[in-house]
């Protein structure tokens, strides 16, 4: 009898352990974020992830921290457990009321009304000198801040900026203005960046986005290096400098001796581009060179085509 009970206990333990193993969640999922009012910054695990309403894919199933921030409203934060499948997280944000401090000076002769002092909610603004930074160059950020003697600048983007990096804390002048010149050199990666400006207590914020362009590679090829006059050549290539477009310039005999810009092309989603050019009978025979540059001239490539008798 004892042996039977022992065997039964082992079987139950194995079954329970097996059930526990099966119910453990694994994989990735998609989260949807909304707030009332909308426009709040979303921070998942202390990383800026967009502005409500928005969604974030490829999130690990399990425990995370979630925070919503919106100027004029109290921060909302919570620990969440993300299940498998798409999940939605909504929060109603609470406005920050003006803080009132009351003092009543003592007097034995007369009654004096209390003095109310209203503490203003801080405000912050930020602008940028350009929305495209060529790697190796500088970018000027400036704005205003009321209710704080300095602003905190946090940068989010590729590489080391994935989780946000504090890049500066410029002082605010007597006219409530501030400015900061960011000079990262050539060490940054190309891609999309977001700079967020906070007041010192992080009660208010504003943000701007920009694209860093440079590095990577630019290529060009042609279907045939020899094109009969009157025929069409198909050019194609790749641009991974972070630019949104490429420009094609043709050099050759006659009117093309000093170069002529023949096209500006937006890049495809995979950073490739294609272009067809007809060497009609009005274009003299000879050797032509087609150059491709990215839109900010951070790099180029070329290919030679010989136009021969038809």
Protein backbone atom coordinates (compact mmCIF):
# COMPACT_ATOMS: atom_id res chain seq x y z
CA UNK A 1 0.00 0.00 0.00
CA UNK A 2 2.77 2.41 0.89
CA UNK A 3 4.54 1.57 -2.34
CA UNK A 4 1.33 2.28 -4.29
CA UNK A 5 0.95 5.69 -2.64
CA UNK A 6 4.57 6.57 -3.37
CA UNK A 7 4.26 5.65 -7.06
CA UNK A 8 1.00 7.63 -7.31
CA UNK A 9 2.67 10.72 -5.78
CA UNK A 10 5.52 10.53 -8.30
CA UNK A 11 3.06 10.23 -11.21
CA UNK A 12 1.09 13.27 -9.97
CA UNK A 13 4.32 15.29 -9.59
CA UNK A 14 5.41 14.43 -13.16
CA UNK A 15 1.99 15.39 -14.54
CA UNK A 16 1.98 18.72 -12.65
CA UNK A 17 5.54 19.50 -13.69
CA UNK A 18 4.65 18.66 -17.29
CA UNK A 19 1.62 20.97 -17.19
CA UNK A 20 3.75 23.81 -15.77
CA UNK A 21 6.28 23.41 -18.57
CA UNK A 22 3.59 23.46 -21.25
CA UNK A 23 1.89 26.63 -19.96
CA UNK A 24 5.05 28.72 -19.88
CA UNK A 25 4.82 31.49 -22.46
CA UNK A 26 7.52 32.02 -24.98
CA UNK A 27 8.06 34.13 -28.14
CA UNK A 28 7.34 37.68 -29.27
CA UNK A 29 4.14 39.71 -29.51
CA UNK A 30 2.73 43.12 -30.51
CA UNK A 31 1.58 45.79 -28.04
CA UNK A 32 -0.84 48.65 -28.75
CA UNK A 33 -0.69 51.83 -26.64
CA UNK A 34 -3.46 54.44 -26.26
CA UNK A 35 -4.10 57.23 -23.76
CA UNK A 36 -6.69 59.86 -23.00
CA UNK A 37 -5.71 62.43 -24.07
CA UNK A 38 -3.54 61.09 -26.90
CA UNK A 39 -0.03 62.35 -27.70
CA UNK A 40 1.72 60.86 -24.66
CA UNK A 41 5.27 59.56 -24.95
CA UNK A 42 5.53 55.79 -24.45
CA UNK A 43 8.45 54.30 -22.52
CA UNK A 44 8.67 50.50 -22.43
CA UNK A 45 11.41 49.30 -20.07
CA UNK A 46 12.64 52.96 -19.89
CA UNK A 47 13.09 53.08 -23.69
CA UNK A 48 11.22 55.69 -25.77
CA UNK A 49 8.90 53.72 -28.06
CA UNK A 50 6.69 56.34 -29.77
CA UNK A 51 3.70 58.62 -29.12
CA UNK A 52 0.14 57.43 -28.46
CA UNK A 53 -1.70 56.04 -30.29
CA UNK A 54 1.03 53.66 -31.50
CA UNK A 55 2.02 50.01 -31.62
CA UNK A 56 5.27 48.15 -30.96
CA UNK A 57 6.08 44.74 -32.42
CA UNK A 58 8.62 42.07 -31.56
CA UNK A 59 8.16 42.53 -27.78
CA UNK A 60 9.20 39.62 -25.57
CA UNK A 61 6.45 37.84 -23.66
CA UNK A 62 6.81 38.31 -19.90
CA UNK A 63 7.37 41.12 -17.38
CA UNK A 64 8.00 44.75 -18.48
CA UNK A 65 7.63 48.28 -17.17
CA UNK A 66 5.37 50.78 -18.98
CA UNK A 67 5.26 54.56 -18.57
CA UNK A 68 3.24 57.32 -20.27
CA UNK A 69 4.48 60.95 -20.17
CA UNK A 70 2.57 64.01 -21.39
CA UNK A 71 3.27 67.66 -20.65
CA UNK A 72 0.74 69.00 -18.15
CA UNK A 73 -0.22 65.56 -16.87
CA UNK A 74 1.11 63.34 -14.10
CA UNK A 75 3.33 60.49 -15.35
CA UNK A 76 1.55 57.12 -15.48
CA UNK A 77 3.60 53.98 -14.90
CA UNK A 78 2.96 50.32 -14.17
CA UNK A 79 4.54 46.89 -14.19
CA UNK A 80 2.87 44.73 -16.86
CA UNK A 81 2.96 41.06 -17.75
CA UNK A 82 2.76 40.65 -21.52
CA UNK A 83 0.95 37.50 -22.73
CA UNK A 84 1.23 35.84 -26.13
CA UNK A 85 -0.83 37.52 -28.86
CA UNK A 86 -1.59 41.21 -29.44
CA UNK A 87 -2.32 43.21 -26.26
CA UNK A 88 -3.66 46.75 -25.71
CA UNK A 89 -2.69 49.10 -22.86
CA UNK A 90 -4.89 52.18 -22.22
CA UNK A 91 -4.52 54.81 -19.52
CA UNK A 92 -6.43 57.96 -18.57
CA UNK A 93 -3.88 60.61 -17.64
CA UNK A 94 -4.44 62.97 -14.70
CA UNK A 95 -3.88 66.72 -15.28
CA UNK A 96 -1.36 68.43 -13.03
CA UNK A 97 -3.18 71.03 -10.92
CA UNK A 98 -1.43 74.31 -10.09
CA UNK A 99 0.17 74.05 -6.67
CA UNK A 100 -0.97 76.70 -4.22
CA UNK A 101 1.04 77.61 -1.11
CA UNK A 102 -0.80 79.66 1.56
CA UNK A 103 0.85 81.83 4.21
CA UNK A 104 -0.81 83.96 6.87
CA UNK A 105 1.43 86.59 8.52
CA UNK A 106 0.69 86.90 12.27
CA UNK A 107 -0.93 90.07 13.59
CA UNK A 108 -2.63 90.90 16.84
CA UNK A 109 -4.17 94.15 15.62
CA UNK A 110 -5.94 93.21 12.41
CA UNK A 111 -6.90 90.16 10.40
CA UNK A 112 -4.80 89.80 7.22
CA UNK A 113 -6.03 87.70 4.29
CA UNK A 114 -3.84 84.73 3.32
CA UNK A 115 -1.43 85.22 0.39
CA UNK A 116 -1.72 82.62 -2.39
CA UNK A 117 1.36 81.82 -4.48
CA UNK A 118 0.67 79.87 -7.69
CA UNK A 119 3.53 77.64 -8.87
CA UNK A 120 3.43 77.45 -12.69
CA UNK A 121 3.72 74.14 -14.55
CA UNK A 122 7.10 74.11 -16.42
CA UNK A 123 7.05 74.34 -20.22
CA UNK A 124 9.72 73.25 -22.72
CA UNK A 125 10.14 73.66 -26.49
CA UNK A 126 12.84 72.38 -28.86
CA UNK A 127 13.73 73.04 -32.51
CA UNK A 128 16.59 71.84 -34.74
CA UNK A 129 18.65 73.66 -37.38
CA UNK A 130 18.03 70.89 -39.99
CA UNK A 131 16.19 67.59 -40.16
CA UNK A 132 19.13 65.89 -41.95
CA UNK A 133 22.58 65.61 -40.39
CA UNK A 134 25.49 64.57 -42.61
CA UNK A 135 27.72 62.37 -40.45
CA UNK A 136 30.78 64.39 -39.48
CA UNK A 137 28.76 67.61 -39.24
CA UNK A 138 27.02 69.49 -36.41
CA UNK A 139 23.39 70.02 -35.42
CA UNK A 140 22.07 72.99 -33.43
CA UNK A 141 19.21 72.43 -31.01
CA UNK A 142 17.49 75.39 -29.34
CA UNK A 143 14.26 76.32 -27.64
CA UNK A 144 12.64 77.81 -24.57
CA UNK A 145 12.06 76.61 -21.02
CA UNK A 146 10.00 78.20 -18.26
CA UNK A 147 10.01 77.04 -14.67
CA UNK A 148 13.48 75.45 -14.75
CA UNK A 149 17.05 76.79 -14.88
CA UNK A 150 18.26 74.02 -17.21
CA UNK A 151 16.98 71.47 -19.71
CA UNK A 152 17.92 67.80 -20.04
CA UNK A 153 18.54 66.50 -23.57
CA UNK A 154 18.02 62.76 -24.15
CA UNK A 155 18.85 61.21 -27.54
CA UNK A 156 17.28 58.02 -28.93
CA UNK A 157 18.39 56.28 -32.13
CA UNK A 158 20.50 53.43 -33.54
CA UNK A 159 23.49 51.83 -31.81
CA UNK A 160 24.42 53.15 -28.40
CA UNK A 161 21.39 55.47 -28.41
CA UNK A 162 18.87 52.60 -28.55
CA UNK A 163 17.86 52.98 -24.88
CA UNK A 164 18.45 56.75 -24.73
CA UNK A 165 21.57 58.71 -23.78
CA UNK A 166 21.73 62.02 -21.92
CA UNK A 167 23.86 64.18 -24.23
CA UNK A 168 23.74 67.55 -22.44
CA UNK A 169 22.08 69.74 -19.80
CA UNK A 170 22.27 73.31 -21.16
CA UNK A 171 21.41 76.26 -18.93
CA UNK A 172 18.34 78.41 -19.51
CA UNK A 173 18.98 82.14 -19.97
CA UNK A 174 17.15 85.04 -18.37
CA UNK A 175 15.00 85.28 -21.51
CA UNK A 176 13.94 81.62 -21.03
CA UNK A 177 15.94 80.50 -24.09
CA UNK A 178 18.54 77.72 -24.36
CA UNK A 179 20.72 76.23 -27.11
CA UNK A 180 23.12 73.34 -27.63
CA UNK A 181 25.34 72.33 -30.57
CA UNK A 182 25.69 68.57 -30.96
CA UNK A 183 28.96 67.53 -32.63
CA UNK A 184 29.12 63.70 -32.60
CA UNK A 185 31.92 63.42 -35.18
CA UNK A 186 31.92 60.36 -37.43
CA UNK A 187 31.24 57.71 -34.80
CA UNK A 188 27.43 57.67 -35.09
CA UNK A 189 25.40 55.34 -37.31
CA UNK A 190 23.08 56.57 -40.04
CA UNK A 191 19.35 56.30 -39.37
CA UNK A 192 16.46 58.00 -37.57
CA UNK A 193 17.04 59.83 -34.26
CA UNK A 194 14.79 61.59 -31.72
CA UNK A 195 16.02 64.30 -29.34
CA UNK A 196 13.78 64.91 -26.30
CA UNK A 197 14.11 68.04 -24.13
CA UNK A 198 12.88 67.93 -20.51
CA UNK A 199 12.77 70.49 -17.75
CA UNK A 200 15.03 69.61 -14.80
CA UNK A 201 12.24 67.79 -12.93
CA UNK A 202 11.01 66.01 -16.11
CA UNK A 203 7.49 67.38 -15.69
CA UNK A 204 7.39 68.81 -19.23
CA UNK A 205 8.97 67.77 -22.52
CA UNK A 206 9.14 68.36 -26.26
CA UNK A 207 10.89 66.45 -29.04
CA UNK A 208 12.22 66.66 -32.61
CA UNK A 209 13.37 63.95 -35.03
CA UNK A 210 16.13 63.98 -37.62
CA UNK A 211 17.98 61.65 -40.00
CA UNK A 212 21.74 61.04 -39.89
CA UNK A 213 23.14 60.35 -43.36
CA UNK A 214 26.58 59.03 -44.37
CA UNK A 215 28.72 55.93 -44.39
CA UNK A 216 27.26 52.77 -45.86
CA UNK A 217 27.75 52.01 -49.54
CA UNK A 218 26.50 53.30 -52.91
CA UNK A 219 26.61 51.06 -55.99
CA UNK A 220 25.58 51.21 -59.65
CA UNK A 221 25.45 48.66 -62.47
CA UNK A 222 24.11 48.55 -66.04
CA UNK A 223 22.52 45.72 -68.01
CA UNK A 224 25.15 46.01 -70.77
CA UNK A 225 28.37 48.00 -71.08
CA UNK A 226 27.72 48.40 -74.84
CA UNK A 227 24.45 50.00 -76.01
CA UNK A 228 23.50 50.42 -79.69
CA UNK A 229 22.42 53.98 -80.48
CA UNK A 230 18.64 54.30 -80.11
CA UNK A 231 18.41 51.63 -77.41
CA UNK A 232 17.64 51.85 -73.68
CA UNK A 233 20.06 51.01 -70.87
CA UNK A 234 18.78 49.90 -67.47
CA UNK A 235 20.78 51.17 -64.48
CA UNK A 236 20.33 49.91 -60.92
CA UNK A 237 22.09 49.94 -57.57
CA UNK A 238 22.01 50.12 -53.78
CA UNK A 239 22.36 53.01 -51.33
CA UNK A 240 22.82 52.30 -47.60
CA UNK A 241 24.03 55.73 -46.49
CA UNK A 242 20.72 56.49 -44.80
CA UNK A 243 19.63 58.89 -47.56
CA UNK A 244 16.06 58.84 -48.89
CA UNK A 245 16.99 59.36 -52.56
CA UNK A 246 19.82 59.22 -55.12
CA UNK A 247 20.74 61.54 -58.00
CA UNK A 248 22.02 60.35 -61.41
CA UNK A 249 24.42 62.51 -63.46
CA UNK A 250 25.54 61.59 -66.98
CA UNK A 251 28.90 62.62 -68.52
CA UNK A 252 29.83 62.05 -72.16
CA UNK A 253 30.15 63.64 -75.61
CA UNK A 254 28.38 66.82 -76.72
CA UNK A 255 25.96 68.39 -74.26
CA UNK A 256 27.03 65.88 -71.58
CA UNK A 257 30.66 67.02 -71.48
CA UNK A 258 30.13 68.96 -68.23
CA UNK A 259 27.61 66.52 -66.80
CA UNK A 260 23.82 66.64 -66.83
CA UNK A 261 21.56 65.56 -63.95
CA UNK A 262 19.17 63.09 -65.56
CA UNK A 263 17.11 61.88 -62.58
CA UNK A 264 16.50 62.04 -58.83
CA UNK A 265 15.07 58.77 -57.57
CA UNK A 266 13.49 57.81 -54.22
CA UNK A 267 14.90 54.60 -52.77
CA UNK A 268 12.83 51.44 -52.51
CA UNK A 269 12.10 49.94 -49.09
CA UNK A 270 15.18 47.70 -49.42
CA UNK A 271 17.44 50.71 -50.33
CA UNK A 272 17.64 49.70 -54.01
CA UNK A 273 16.90 51.88 -57.05
CA UNK A 274 16.44 51.37 -60.83
CA UNK A 275 16.39 53.75 -63.80
CA UNK A 276 16.05 53.34 -67.58
CA UNK A 277 17.77 55.81 -69.92
CA UNK A 278 17.41 55.86 -73.73
CA UNK A 279 20.46 56.75 -75.82
CA UNK A 280 18.40 57.96 -78.78
CA UNK A 281 19.79 58.94 -82.18
CA UNK A 282 20.17 62.56 -81.04
CA UNK A 283 22.85 61.48 -78.56
CA UNK A 284 26.25 61.06 -80.24
CA UNK A 285 28.08 57.74 -80.13
CA UNK A 286 30.99 57.48 -77.73
CA UNK A 287 31.84 56.71 -74.12
CA UNK A 288 29.48 57.84 -71.34
CA UNK A 289 29.82 57.66 -67.56
CA UNK A 290 26.76 57.52 -65.32
CA UNK A 291 27.39 58.69 -61.73
CA UNK A 292 25.10 58.05 -58.78
CA UNK A 293 25.24 60.20 -55.61
CA UNK A 294 23.08 60.01 -52.53
CA UNK A 295 20.91 63.08 -51.99
CA UNK A 296 23.38 64.72 -49.55
CA UNK A 297 26.51 63.93 -51.63
CA UNK A 298 28.09 61.80 -48.90
CA UNK A 299 29.23 59.19 -51.45
CA UNK A 300 29.07 58.17 -55.12
CA UNK A 301 29.71 55.39 -57.64
CA UNK A 302 29.90 55.25 -61.45
CA UNK A 303 29.67 52.91 -64.43
CA UNK A 304 30.90 53.33 -68.07
CA UNK A 305 28.70 52.72 -71.10
CA UNK A 306 29.83 52.70 -74.75
CA UNK A 307 27.20 53.87 -77.26
CA UNK A 308 27.88 52.31 -80.66
CA UNK A 309 26.34 52.30 -84.14
CA UNK A 310 22.92 50.65 -84.30
